[in-house]
C-alpha atoms as a PDB file:
ATOM      1  CA  MET A   1     175.299  97.772-191.794  1.00  0.00           C
ATOM      2  CA  LYS A   2     173.210 100.810-190.894  1.00  0.00           C
ATOM      3  CA  GLY A   3     169.432 100.957-190.789  1.00  0.00           C
ATOM      4  CA  ILE A   4     166.302 102.439-189.230  1.00  0.00           C
ATOM      5  CA  VAL A   5     163.873 100.517-187.002  1.00  0.00           C
ATOM      6  CA  TYR A   6     160.430 100.396-188.626  1.00  0.00           C
ATOM      7  CA  LYS A   7     158.661  98.030-186.207  1.00  0.00           C
ATOM      8  CA  SER A   8     159.280  96.376-182.860  1.00  0.00           C
ATOM      9  CA  THR A   9     157.567  93.492-181.087  1.00  0.00           C
ATOM     10  CA  GLY A  10     159.651  93.872-177.954  1.00  0.00           C
ATOM     11  CA  SER A  11     162.053  91.081-178.866  1.00  0.00           C
ATOM     12  CA  TRP A  12     162.243  91.323-182.682  1.00  0.00           C
ATOM     13  CA  TYR A  13     162.939  94.446-184.711  1.00  0.00           C
ATOM     14  CA  TYR A  14     162.092  95.094-188.350  1.00  0.00           C
ATOM     15  CA  VAL A  15     164.946  97.222-189.738  1.00  0.00           C
ATOM     16  CA  LYS A  16     165.247  98.958-193.106  1.00  0.00           C
ATOM     17  CA  ALA A  17     168.868  99.013-194.270  1.00  0.00           C
ATOM     18  CA  GLU A  18     170.389 101.859-196.271  1.00  0.00           C
ATOM     19  CA  SER A  19     170.024  99.610-199.328  1.00  0.00           C
ATOM     20  CA  GLY A  20     166.241  99.665-198.857  1.00  0.00           C
ATOM     21  CA  GLU A  21     166.084  96.001-197.873  1.00  0.00           C
ATOM     22  CA  PHE A  22     164.309  94.960-194.676  1.00  0.00           C
ATOM     23  CA  TYR A  23     165.810  92.641-192.073  1.00  0.00           C
ATOM     24  CA  GLU A  24     164.431  90.960-189.007  1.00  0.00           C
ATOM     25  CA  CYS A  25     166.817  91.725-186.178  1.00  0.00           C
ATOM     26  CA  LYS A  26     167.468  90.847-182.562  1.00  0.00           C
ATOM     27  CA  ILE A  27     169.536  92.666-179.954  1.00  0.00           C
ATOM     28  CA  LYS A  28     173.062  91.461-179.256  1.00  0.00           C
ATOM     29  CA  GLY A  29     173.236  90.257-175.635  1.00  0.00           C
ATOM     30  CA  LYS A  30     171.851  92.410-172.843  1.00  0.00           C
ATOM     31  CA  PHE A  31     171.650  95.603-174.823  1.00  0.00           C
ATOM     32  CA  ARG A  32     170.517  98.629-172.837  1.00  0.00           C
ATOM     33  CA  ILE A  33     170.413 102.341-173.501  1.00  0.00           C
ATOM     34  CA  LYS A  34     172.517 104.261-170.989  1.00  0.00           C
ATOM     35  CA  GLY A  35     170.518 106.371-168.581  1.00  0.00           C
ATOM     36  CA  ILE A  36     167.084 105.150-169.702  1.00  0.00           C
ATOM     37  CA  LYS A  37     165.174 102.506-167.747  1.00  0.00           C
ATOM     38  CA  SER A  38     162.802 101.611-170.531  1.00  0.00           C
ATOM     39  CA  THR A  39     160.628  98.599-171.295  1.00  0.00           C
ATOM     40  CA  ASN A  40     161.890  98.854-174.875  1.00  0.00           C
ATOM     41  CA  PRO A  41     165.623  99.525-175.255  1.00  0.00           C
ATOM     42  CA  ILE A  42     165.143 100.137-178.988  1.00  0.00           C
ATOM     43  CA  ALA A  43     162.241 102.139-180.432  1.00  0.00           C
ATOM     44  CA  VAL A  44     160.727 102.727-183.854  1.00  0.00           C
ATOM     45  CA  GLY A  45     162.697 105.485-185.557  1.00  0.00           C
ATOM     46  CA  ASP A  46     166.016 104.509-183.982  1.00  0.00           C
ATOM     47  CA  LYS A  47     169.063 104.477-186.233  1.00  0.00           C
ATOM     48  CA  VAL A  48     171.012 101.287-185.571  1.00  0.00           C
ATOM     49  CA  ASN A  49     174.113  99.412-186.678  1.00  0.00           C
ATOM     50  CA  PHE A  50     173.656  95.694-187.244  1.00  0.00           C
ATOM     51  CA  GLU A  51     175.307  92.634-188.703  1.00  0.00           C
ATOM     52  CA  VAL A  52     173.638  89.889-190.732  1.00  0.00           C
ATOM     53  CA  GLU A  53     174.161  86.326-189.500  1.00  0.00           C
ATOM     54  CA  THR A  54     172.967  82.938-190.710  1.00  0.00           C
ATOM     55  CA  ILE A  55     171.644  80.671-187.972  1.00  0.00           C
ATOM     56  CA  GLY A  56     170.673  77.290-189.366  1.00  0.00           C
ATOM     57  CA  ASP A  57     168.620  78.018-192.454  1.00  0.00           C
ATOM     58  CA  GLU A  58     167.533  81.445-191.201  1.00  0.00           C
ATOM     59  CA  THR A  59     169.191  84.797-191.878  1.00  0.00           C
ATOM     60  CA  ILE A  60     168.726  87.427-189.168  1.00  0.00           C
ATOM     61  CA  GLY A  61     170.251  90.745-188.218  1.00  0.00           C
ATOM     62  CA  ILE A  62     172.020  91.323-184.911  1.00  0.00           C
ATOM     63  CA  ILE A  63     171.799  94.900-183.608  1.00  0.00           C
ATOM     64  CA  HIS A  64     174.977  95.860-181.781  1.00  0.00           C
ATOM     65  CA  GLU A  65     174.727  99.642-181.571  1.00  0.00           C
ATOM     66  CA  ILE A  66     172.142 102.416-181.508  1.00  0.00           C
ATOM     67  CA  GLU A  67     173.097 105.867-182.746  1.00  0.00           C
ATOM     68  CA  ASP A  68     172.398 108.943-180.634  1.00  0.00           C
ATOM     69  CA  ARG A  69     168.770 110.032-180.786  1.00  0.00           C
ATOM     70  CA  LYS A  70     167.956 113.605-181.717  1.00  0.00           C
ATOM     71  CA  ASN A  71     164.725 113.281-179.699  1.00  0.00           C
ATOM     72  CA  TYR A  72     162.059 110.831-178.589  1.00  0.00           C
ATOM     73  CA  ILE A  73     158.562 110.664-177.128  1.00  0.00           C
ATOM     74  CA  ILE A  74     158.461 108.830-173.801  1.00  0.00           C
ATOM     75  CA  ARG A  75     155.814 108.043-171.204  1.00  0.00           C
ATOM     76  CA  LYS A  76     155.343 105.905-168.118  1.00  0.00           C
ATOM     77  CA  SER A  77     154.833 102.238-168.899  1.00  0.00           C
ATOM     78  CA  VAL A  78     151.197 101.174-168.570  1.00  0.00           C
ATOM     79  CA  ASN A  79     151.868  97.897-166.756  1.00  0.00           C
ATOM     80  CA  LEU A  80     155.141  98.734-165.022  1.00  0.00           C
ATOM     81  CA  SER A  81     154.662 102.078-163.311  1.00  0.00           C
ATOM     82  CA  LYS A  82     158.321 102.443-162.345  1.00  0.00           C
ATOM     83  CA  GLN A  83     159.501 101.963-165.908  1.00  0.00           C
ATOM     84  CA  THR A  84     159.113 103.997-169.030  1.00  0.00           C
ATOM     85  CA  HIS A  85     158.165 103.290-172.613  1.00  0.00           C
ATOM     86  CA  ILE A  86     159.721 105.100-175.570  1.00  0.00           C
ATOM     87  CA  ILE A  87     156.973 105.432-178.165  1.00  0.00           C
ATOM     88  CA  ALA A  88     159.161 106.606-181.063  1.00  0.00           C
ATOM     89  CA  SER A  89     162.403 108.459-181.758  1.00  0.00           C
ATOM     90  CA  ASN A  90     164.071 110.835-184.237  1.00  0.00           C
ATOM     91  CA  LEU A  91     160.877 112.703-185.063  1.00  0.00           C
ATOM     92  CA  ASP A  92     160.456 115.874-187.092  1.00  0.00           C
ATOM     93  CA  GLN A  93     156.954 116.498-185.734  1.00  0.00           C
ATOM     94  CA  VAL A  94     154.056 114.870-183.925  1.00  0.00           C
ATOM     95  CA  PHE A  95     150.353 115.041-184.751  1.00  0.00           C
ATOM     96  CA  LEU A  96     148.016 114.552-181.789  1.00  0.00           C
ATOM     97  CA  LEU A  97     144.554 113.439-182.901  1.00  0.00           C
ATOM     98  CA  VAL A  98     141.799 114.794-180.693  1.00  0.00           C
ATOM     99  CA  THR A  99     138.060 114.078-180.723  1.00  0.00           C
ATOM    100  CA  TYR A 100     135.420 115.961-178.762  1.00  0.00           C
ATOM    101  CA  ASN A 101     133.472 112.762-178.159  1.00  0.00           C
ATOM    102  CA  ASN A 102     133.465 109.165-179.363  1.00  0.00           C
ATOM    103  CA  PRO A 103     135.887 108.995-177.591  1.00  0.00           C
ATOM    104  CA  PRO A 104     136.334 112.207-175.608  1.00  0.00           C
ATOM    105  CA  THR A 105     139.841 113.658-175.401  1.00  0.00           C
ATOM    106  CA  TYR A 106     140.255 115.690-172.219  1.00  0.00           C
ATOM    107  CA  PRO A 107     142.527 118.744-171.954  1.00  0.00           C
ATOM    108  CA  VAL A 108     144.671 117.090-169.276  1.00  0.00           C
ATOM    109  CA  PHE A 109     145.694 114.377-171.757  1.00  0.00           C
ATOM    110  CA  ILE A 110     146.410 116.960-174.452  1.00  0.00           C
ATOM    111  CA  ASP A 111     148.514 119.009-172.037  1.00  0.00           C
ATOM    112  CA  ARG A 112     150.579 116.034-170.844  1.00  0.00           C
ATOM    113  CA  PHE A 113     151.315 115.044-174.413  1.00  0.00           C
ATOM    114  CA  LEU A 114     152.229 118.590-175.424  1.00  0.00           C
ATOM    115  CA  ILE A 115     154.631 119.252-172.565  1.00  0.00           C
ATOM    116  CA  THR A 116     156.431 115.988-173.304  1.00  0.00           C
ATOM    117  CA  ALA A 117     156.835 117.113-176.911  1.00  0.00           C
ATOM    118  CA  GLU A 118     158.069 120.497-175.662  1.00  0.00           C
ATOM    119  CA  ALA A 119     160.552 118.860-173.301  1.00  0.00           C
ATOM    120  CA  TYR A 120     162.126 116.849-176.120  1.00  0.00           C
ATOM    121  CA  HIS A 121     161.977 119.689-178.684  1.00  0.00           C
ATOM    122  CA  ILE A 122     159.454 118.070-181.014  1.00  0.00           C
ATOM    123  CA  PRO A 123     157.010 120.389-182.829  1.00  0.00           C
ATOM    124  CA  ALA A 124     153.414 119.344-182.120  1.00  0.00           C
ATOM    125  CA  VAL A 125     150.271 119.828-184.201  1.00  0.00           C
ATOM    126  CA  ILE A 126     146.761 119.185-182.887  1.00  0.00           C
ATOM    127  CA  LEU A 127     144.328 117.589-185.332  1.00  0.00           C
ATOM    128  CA  PHE A 128     140.666 117.839-184.314  1.00  0.00           C
ATOM    129  CA  ASN A 129     139.214 114.833-186.113  1.00  0.00           C
ATOM    130  CA  LYS A 130     135.633 113.837-186.965  1.00  0.00           C
ATOM    131  CA  VAL A 131     134.486 117.438-187.430  1.00  0.00           C
ATOM    132  CA  ASP A 132     131.889 116.129-189.902  1.00  0.00           C
ATOM    133  CA  THR A 133     130.081 114.269-187.099  1.00  0.00           C
ATOM    134  CA  TYR A 134     129.518 117.083-184.585  1.00  0.00           C
ATOM    135  CA  SER A 135     126.387 119.061-183.895  1.00  0.00           C
ATOM    136  CA  GLU A 136     126.550 122.837-184.114  1.00  0.00           C
ATOM    137  CA  GLU A 137     126.967 123.064-180.342  1.00  0.00           C
ATOM    138  CA  GLU A 138     129.693 120.414-180.279  1.00  0.00           C
ATOM    139  CA  LEU A 139     131.514 122.096-183.142  1.00  0.00           C
ATOM    140  CA  GLY A 140     131.436 125.312-181.128  1.00  0.00           C
ATOM    141  CA  GLU A 141     133.161 123.496-178.259  1.00  0.00           C
ATOM    142  CA  VAL A 142     135.819 122.169-180.633  1.00  0.00           C
ATOM    143  CA  LYS A 143     136.453 125.667-181.982  1.00  0.00           C
ATOM    144  CA  PHE A 144     136.706 126.992-178.428  1.00  0.00           C
ATOM    145  CA  LEU A 145     139.329 124.369-177.581  1.00  0.00           C
ATOM    146  CA  ALA A 146     141.240 124.975-180.803  1.00  0.00           C
ATOM    147  CA  ALA A 147     141.286 128.718-180.099  1.00  0.00           C
ATOM    148  CA  LEU A 148     142.699 128.023-176.633  1.00  0.00           C
ATOM    149  CA  TYR A 149     145.683 126.120-178.037  1.00  0.00           C
ATOM    150  CA  ARG A 150     146.194 128.443-181.023  1.00  0.00           C
ATOM    151  CA  LYS A 151     146.557 131.326-178.579  1.00  0.00           C
ATOM    152  CA  ILE A 152     149.408 129.427-176.919  1.00  0.00           C
ATOM    153  CA  GLY A 153     151.084 128.954-180.300  1.00  0.00           C
ATOM    154  CA  TYR A 154     150.082 125.470-181.415  1.00  0.00           C
ATOM    155  CA  THR A 155     148.870 124.740-184.941  1.00  0.00           C
ATOM    156  CA  CYS A 156     145.333 123.339-184.774  1.00  0.00           C
ATOM    157  CA  ILE A 157     143.515 121.881-187.771  1.00  0.00           C
ATOM    158  CA  GLY A 158     139.952 120.607-188.002  1.00  0.00           C
ATOM    159  CA  ILE A 159     139.899 117.482-190.151  1.00  0.00           C
ATOM    160  CA  SER A 160     137.726 114.592-191.203  1.00  0.00           C
ATOM    161  CA  ALA A 161     139.587 111.408-192.040  1.00  0.00           C
ATOM    162  CA  LEU A 162     136.291 110.062-193.404  1.00  0.00           C
ATOM    163  CA  THR A 163     135.376 112.898-195.781  1.00  0.00           C
ATOM    164  CA  GLY A 164     138.909 114.090-196.508  1.00  0.00           C
ATOM    165  CA  LYS A 165     138.459 117.589-195.055  1.00  0.00           C
ATOM    166  CA  ASN A 166     141.882 119.308-194.762  1.00  0.00           C
ATOM    167  CA  ILE A 167     143.763 116.060-195.454  1.00  0.00           C
ATOM    168  CA  ASP A 168     145.764 117.785-198.198  1.00  0.00           C
ATOM    169  CA  THR A 169     146.850 120.386-195.637  1.00  0.00           C
ATOM    170  CA  VAL A 170     148.164 117.649-193.354  1.00  0.00           C
ATOM    171  CA  LYS A 171     149.952 115.919-196.250  1.00  0.00           C
ATOM    172  CA  GLU A 172     151.681 119.141-197.204  1.00  0.00           C
ATOM    173  CA  MET A 173     152.972 119.513-193.637  1.00  0.00           C
ATOM    174  CA  MET A 174     154.331 115.957-193.731  1.00  0.00           C
ATOM    175  CA  LYS A 175     156.402 116.214-196.923  1.00  0.00           C
ATOM    176  CA  GLY A 176     160.083 115.491-196.397  1.00  0.00           C
ATOM    177  CA  LYS A 177     159.553 114.683-192.719  1.00  0.00           C
ATOM    178  CA  THR A 178     159.141 111.813-190.274  1.00  0.00           C
ATOM    179  CA  SER A 179     155.860 112.384-188.434  1.00  0.00           C
ATOM    180  CA  MET A 180     154.200 110.511-185.597  1.00  0.00           C
ATOM    181  CA  PHE A 181     150.420 110.172-185.210  1.00  0.00           C
ATOM    182  CA  SER A 182     149.128 109.610-181.689  1.00  0.00           C
ATOM    183  CA  GLY A 183     145.963 109.803-179.620  1.00  0.00           C
ATOM    184  CA  HIS A 184     143.388 107.682-177.805  1.00  0.00           C
ATOM    185  CA  SER A 185     142.049 104.478-179.324  1.00  0.00           C
ATOM    186  CA  GLY A 186     139.135 105.281-181.604  1.00  0.00           C
ATOM    187  CA  VAL A 187     140.120 108.829-182.557  1.00  0.00           C
ATOM    188  CA  GLY A 188     140.628 107.737-186.160  1.00  0.00           C
ATOM    189  CA  LYS A 189     144.390 107.350-186.583  1.00  0.00           C
ATOM    190  CA  SER A 190     144.142 104.325-188.876  1.00  0.00           C
ATOM    191  CA  THR A 191     141.393 105.918-190.957  1.00  0.00           C
ATOM    192  CA  LEU A 192     143.463 109.083-191.258  1.00  0.00           C
ATOM    193  CA  VAL A 193     146.591 107.220-192.348  1.00  0.00           C
ATOM    194  CA  ASN A 194     144.594 105.342-194.975  1.00  0.00           C
ATOM    195  CA  SER A 195     143.051 108.608-196.138  1.00  0.00           C
ATOM    196  CA  ILE A 196     146.509 110.126-196.506  1.00  0.00           C
ATOM    197  CA  GLU A 197     147.860 107.050-198.315  1.00  0.00           C
ATOM    198  CA  PRO A 198     144.885 104.998-199.647  1.00  0.00           C
ATOM    199  CA  ASN A 199     147.043 102.137-200.903  1.00  0.00           C
ATOM    200  CA  LEU A 200     148.629 101.542-197.502  1.00  0.00           C
ATOM    201  CA  ASP A 201     145.692  99.921-195.643  1.00  0.00           C
ATOM    202  CA  ILE A 202     147.419  99.610-192.276  1.00  0.00           C
ATOM    203  CA  LYS A 203     144.550  97.583-190.802  1.00  0.00           C
ATOM    204  CA  THR A 204     145.356  94.560-192.941  1.00  0.00           C
ATOM    205  CA  LYS A 205     149.064  95.083-193.600  1.00  0.00           C
ATOM    206  CA  LYS A 206     151.057  92.211-192.131  1.00  0.00           C
ATOM    207  CA  ILE A 207     154.732  91.478-191.688  1.00  0.00           C
ATOM    208  CA  SER A 208     155.536  88.181-193.385  1.00  0.00           C
ATOM    209  CA  LYS A 209     157.693  86.560-190.715  1.00  0.00           C
ATOM    210  CA  GLN A 210     155.955  84.966-187.745  1.00  0.00           C
ATOM    211  CA  HIS A 211     158.263  86.650-185.231  1.00  0.00           C
ATOM    212  CA  LEU A 212     156.716  90.022-185.981  1.00  0.00           C
ATOM    213  CA  GLN A 213     153.160  88.736-185.596  1.00  0.00           C
ATOM    214  CA  GLY A 214     153.708  87.618-182.020  1.00  0.00           C
ATOM    215  CA  GLN A 215     153.397  89.284-178.653  1.00  0.00           C
ATOM    216  CA  HIS A 216     153.026  93.027-178.077  1.00  0.00           C
ATOM    217  CA  THR A 217     151.716  93.724-181.590  1.00  0.00           C
ATOM    218  CA  THR A 218     149.287  96.280-180.146  1.00  0.00           C
ATOM    219  CA  THR A 219     151.869  97.878-177.856  1.00  0.00           C
ATOM    220  CA  PHE A 220     154.429  99.273-180.250  1.00  0.00           C
ATOM    221  CA  ALA A 221     154.489 101.837-183.023  1.00  0.00           C
ATOM    222  CA  GLU A 222     155.169 101.128-186.699  1.00  0.00           C
ATOM    223  CA  MET A 223     156.684 103.325-189.396  1.00  0.00           C
ATOM    224  CA  TYR A 224     155.628 103.471-193.035  1.00  0.00           C
ATOM    225  CA  ASP A 225     157.185 105.034-196.126  1.00  0.00           C
ATOM    226  CA  LEU A 226     154.656 107.148-198.008  1.00  0.00           C
ATOM    227  CA  SER A 227     154.492 107.918-201.711  1.00  0.00           C
ATOM    228  CA  PHE A 228     154.971 111.689-201.343  1.00  0.00           C
ATOM    229  CA  ASP A 229     158.421 111.766-199.685  1.00  0.00           C
ATOM    230  CA  ALA A 230     157.242 111.322-196.141  1.00  0.00           C
ATOM    231  CA  ARG A 231     157.384 108.779-193.331  1.00  0.00           C
ATOM    232  CA  ILE A 232     154.690 108.223-190.769  1.00  0.00           C
ATOM    233  CA  ILE A 233     154.880 106.497-187.415  1.00  0.00           C
ATOM    234  CA  ASP A 234     151.452 105.181-186.459  1.00  0.00           C
ATOM    235  CA  THR A 235     151.012 104.435-182.752  1.00  0.00           C
ATOM    236  CA  PRO A 236     148.535 102.267-180.848  1.00  0.00           C
ATOM    237  CA  GLY A 237     145.838 104.053-178.882  1.00  0.00           C
ATOM    238  CA  ILE A 238     147.078 105.589-175.639  1.00  0.00           C
ATOM    239  CA  LYS A 239     144.791 105.622-172.604  1.00  0.00           C
ATOM    240  CA  GLY A 240     146.921 107.886-170.452  1.00  0.00           C
ATOM    241  CA  PHE A 241     150.123 109.824-170.691  1.00  0.00           C
ATOM    242  CA  GLY A 242     152.292 109.752-167.577  1.00  0.00           C
ATOM    243  CA  ILE A 243     155.115 112.284-167.710  1.00  0.00           C
ATOM    244  CA  VAL A 244     158.673 111.105-167.169  1.00  0.00           C
ATOM    245  CA  ASP A 245     161.922 112.533-165.794  1.00  0.00           C
ATOM    246  CA  MET A 246     160.573 115.987-164.988  1.00  0.00           C
ATOM    247  CA  GLU A 247     161.104 117.793-161.717  1.00  0.00           C
ATOM    248  CA  ALA A 248     158.202 119.896-160.460  1.00  0.00           C
ATOM    249  CA  ALA A 249     160.302 123.062-160.739  1.00  0.00           C
ATOM    250  CA  GLU A 250     160.943 122.551-164.470  1.00  0.00           C
ATOM    251  CA  ILE A 251     157.449 121.559-165.660  1.00  0.00           C
ATOM    252  CA  GLY A 252     156.323 125.174-166.028  1.00  0.00           C
ATOM    253  CA  ALA A 253     159.079 125.744-168.586  1.00  0.00           C
ATOM    254  CA  TYR A 254     157.252 123.384-170.962  1.00  0.00           C
ATOM    255  CA  PHE A 255     154.056 125.433-170.844  1.00  0.00           C
ATOM    256  CA  PRO A 256     154.914 128.119-173.445  1.00  0.00           C
ATOM    257  CA  GLU A 257     152.498 130.676-171.996  1.00  0.00           C
ATOM    258  CA  PHE A 258     154.009 130.162-168.505  1.00  0.00           C
ATOM    259  CA  PHE A 259     157.580 130.378-169.769  1.00  0.00           C
ATOM    260  CA  GLU A 260     156.839 133.679-171.490  1.00  0.00           C
ATOM    261  CA  LEU A 261     155.628 135.280-168.262  1.00  0.00           C
ATOM    262  CA  LYS A 262     157.728 133.691-165.513  1.00  0.00           C
ATOM    263  CA  GLN A 263     160.427 136.383-165.741  1.00  0.00           C
ATOM    264  CA  HIS A 264     157.856 138.748-164.237  1.00  0.00           C
ATOM    265  CA  CYS A 265     157.344 136.613-161.128  1.00  0.00           C
ATOM    266  CA  LYS A 266     158.759 138.134-157.935  1.00  0.00           C
ATOM    267  CA  PHE A 267     160.813 135.014-157.159  1.00  0.00           C
ATOM    268  CA  ASN A 268     163.146 133.338-159.640  1.00  0.00           C
ATOM    269  CA  ASN A 269     162.229 129.910-158.255  1.00  0.00           C
ATOM    270  CA  CYS A 270     158.484 130.552-158.311  1.00  0.00           C
ATOM    271  CA  ILE A 271     156.451 127.419-159.023  1.00  0.00           C
ATOM    272  CA  HIS A 272     153.214 129.408-159.383  1.00  0.00           C
ATOM    273  CA  VAL A 273     151.237 127.898-156.514  1.00  0.00           C
ATOM    274  CA  ASP A 274     151.389 129.845-153.235  1.00  0.00           C
ATOM    275  CA  GLU A 275     154.023 132.480-153.984  1.00  0.00           C
ATOM    276  CA  PRO A 276     153.063 136.188-153.857  1.00  0.00           C
ATOM    277  CA  LYS A 277     153.291 138.419-156.933  1.00  0.00           C
ATOM    278  CA  CYS A 278     153.224 135.472-159.328  1.00  0.00           C
ATOM    279  CA  ALA A 279     152.823 136.566-162.958  1.00  0.00           C
ATOM    280  CA  ILE A 280     151.239 133.258-163.955  1.00  0.00           C
ATOM    281  CA  LYS A 281     148.542 133.474-161.270  1.00  0.00           C
ATOM    282  CA  ASP A 282     147.917 137.115-162.193  1.00  0.00           C
ATOM    283  CA  ALA A 283     147.485 136.107-165.842  1.00  0.00           C
ATOM    284  CA  LEU A 284     145.135 133.334-164.721  1.00  0.00           C
ATOM    285  CA  GLU A 285     142.969 135.834-162.844  1.00  0.00           C
ATOM    286  CA  ASP A 286     142.961 138.147-165.873  1.00  0.00           C
ATOM    287  CA  GLY A 287     141.889 135.327-168.205  1.00  0.00           C
ATOM    288  CA  ASP A 288     145.141 135.371-170.174  1.00  0.00           C
ATOM    289  CA  ILE A 289     145.959 131.799-169.145  1.00  0.00           C
ATOM    290  CA  ALA A 290     143.327 129.065-169.452  1.00  0.00           C
ATOM    291  CA  TRP A 291     142.157 127.579-166.167  1.00  0.00           C
ATOM    292  CA  SER A 292     142.241 124.072-167.681  1.00  0.00           C
ATOM    293  CA  ARG A 293     145.938 124.524-168.472  1.00  0.00           C
ATOM    294  CA  TYR A 294     146.701 125.672-164.937  1.00  0.00           C
ATOM    295  CA  GLN A 295     144.780 122.731-163.460  1.00  0.00           C
ATOM    296  CA  SER A 296     146.748 120.358-165.694  1.00  0.00           C
ATOM    297  CA  TYR A 297     149.941 122.014-164.478  1.00  0.00           C
ATOM    298  CA  LEU A 298     148.953 121.576-160.826  1.00  0.00           C
ATOM    299  CA  GLN A 299     148.222 117.890-161.403  1.00  0.00           C
ATOM    300  CA  MET A 300     151.633 117.386-162.959  1.00  0.00           C
ATOM    301  CA  ILE A 301     153.699 119.140-160.308  1.00  0.00           C
ATOM    302  CA  LYS A 302     151.822 117.220-157.603  1.00  0.00           C
ATOM    303  CA  GLY A 303     152.445 113.933-159.394  1.00  0.00           C
ATOM    304  CA  GLU A 304     148.738 113.169-159.733  1.00  0.00           C
ATOM    305  CA  ASP A 305     147.346 110.875-162.419  1.00  0.00           C
ATOM    306  CA  GLU A 306     144.741 111.744-165.036  1.00  0.00           C
ATOM    307  CA  HIS A 307     141.670 110.394-163.242  1.00  0.00           C
ATOM    308  CA  TYR A 308     140.466 113.905-162.468  1.00  0.00           C
ATOM    309  CA  ARG A 309     139.201 115.310-165.746  1.00  0.00           C
ATOM    310  CA  VAL A 310     139.714 119.028-166.212  1.00  0.00           C
ATOM    311  CA  ASP A 311     137.016 120.685-168.287  1.00  0.00           C
ATOM    312  CA  ILE A 312     137.854 123.611-170.538  1.00  0.00           C
ATOM    313  CA  HIS A 313     135.035 125.613-168.956  1.00  0.00           C
ATOM    314  CA  ASP A 314     136.075 124.973-165.342  1.00  0.00           C
ATOM    315  CA  GLU A 315     136.179 128.182-163.381  1.00  0.00           C
ATOM    316  CA  LYS A 316     138.226 128.901-160.317  1.00  0.00           C
ATOM    317  CA  LYS A 317     136.239 127.949-157.286  1.00  0.00           C
END
C-alpha cells in the first residue's frame, strides 16, 4: 500500500493511505535513509510504501520503503548537535511566521530559514503576524523589515491571525498545495491555522491511539487536510535554526541578492570577506545589500551560532 505520513512521534507514524484511511505504522527493522544522518528517518510529508499486519488483536502498518523526496526542510538537531532533524518533506511552499516582539524574531533566524528553503528549492513566504498589536513606531519597523525582504524578492504579508487581516490572501496562496507553517514558539501558528480553518482546532485535536500521544509530541510536525483543497504542515516552535550540509563557499549562492552580483566579483571563488574588488562588498557599501543580511552570511560561513543578534539597523563599524 502507498500513503503519506501525516504525523510522527519518532517511533510511530500516522499514515494516510491512498484510500483515505489512516493507519498507525512502524518502521520495518533498522530503516535508514541513505546519506542522511537524521534523528527521524521518516518525516511528515514523506510518501511511503507499507504493509498491514495483524499482531495479536492489533492491526498496524509496517513501512518498508520511502519514495524519493522532491525536497525537505532540515536543521541541526536541538539535543544532538552532530545529527540533523528533517522537519517536513515534499513541500510546495513554506510560510515563516515572524513577530516584531512577543516574541521577537531576529533577522539572523529569518535568514537561516530562508537560505535553507533556497537550498532545497522551496518557495518561502514571510508572514508578519500580530500587526494589530503594534504601536505606530513598531509597525514602522515591521514595514522596514518587510521592505528589506521584498527588495530581495520574497513575498511578505502583514497579517493578524486574531482579527483575520489578510487571512484570505494566505488561503488563496495555499489552494492546491502542501504548505508548511514555521516560526518561533508564540508567533501565532496555531491561532493562524485555526483562523484559516476554524473547525480544525489543532490545540485540542488528538490522535485516538495511545502510541501517538506518547513521547516527542512537541518535537514533530503534523499535517492536516483543509476544506479548500489544501494541506498544511504545522510545526512546533523552533528556537534556533542551525544550517546543515552547506560548505562555506556555497552559502552565498542561497542569498539571492549575492547570487545576482557574484559574477561581477574579480575572483570566481570569491567568498566576499577579504577579497579585493568584491561586488557584494561594493553593494554593501552602496546600501544595495542590507548589513543585517551580510552579518548573517558572515555568521554562517564562520559556523557561528545565533547567539549574536543582528539588528536590521546595524551599521558597519
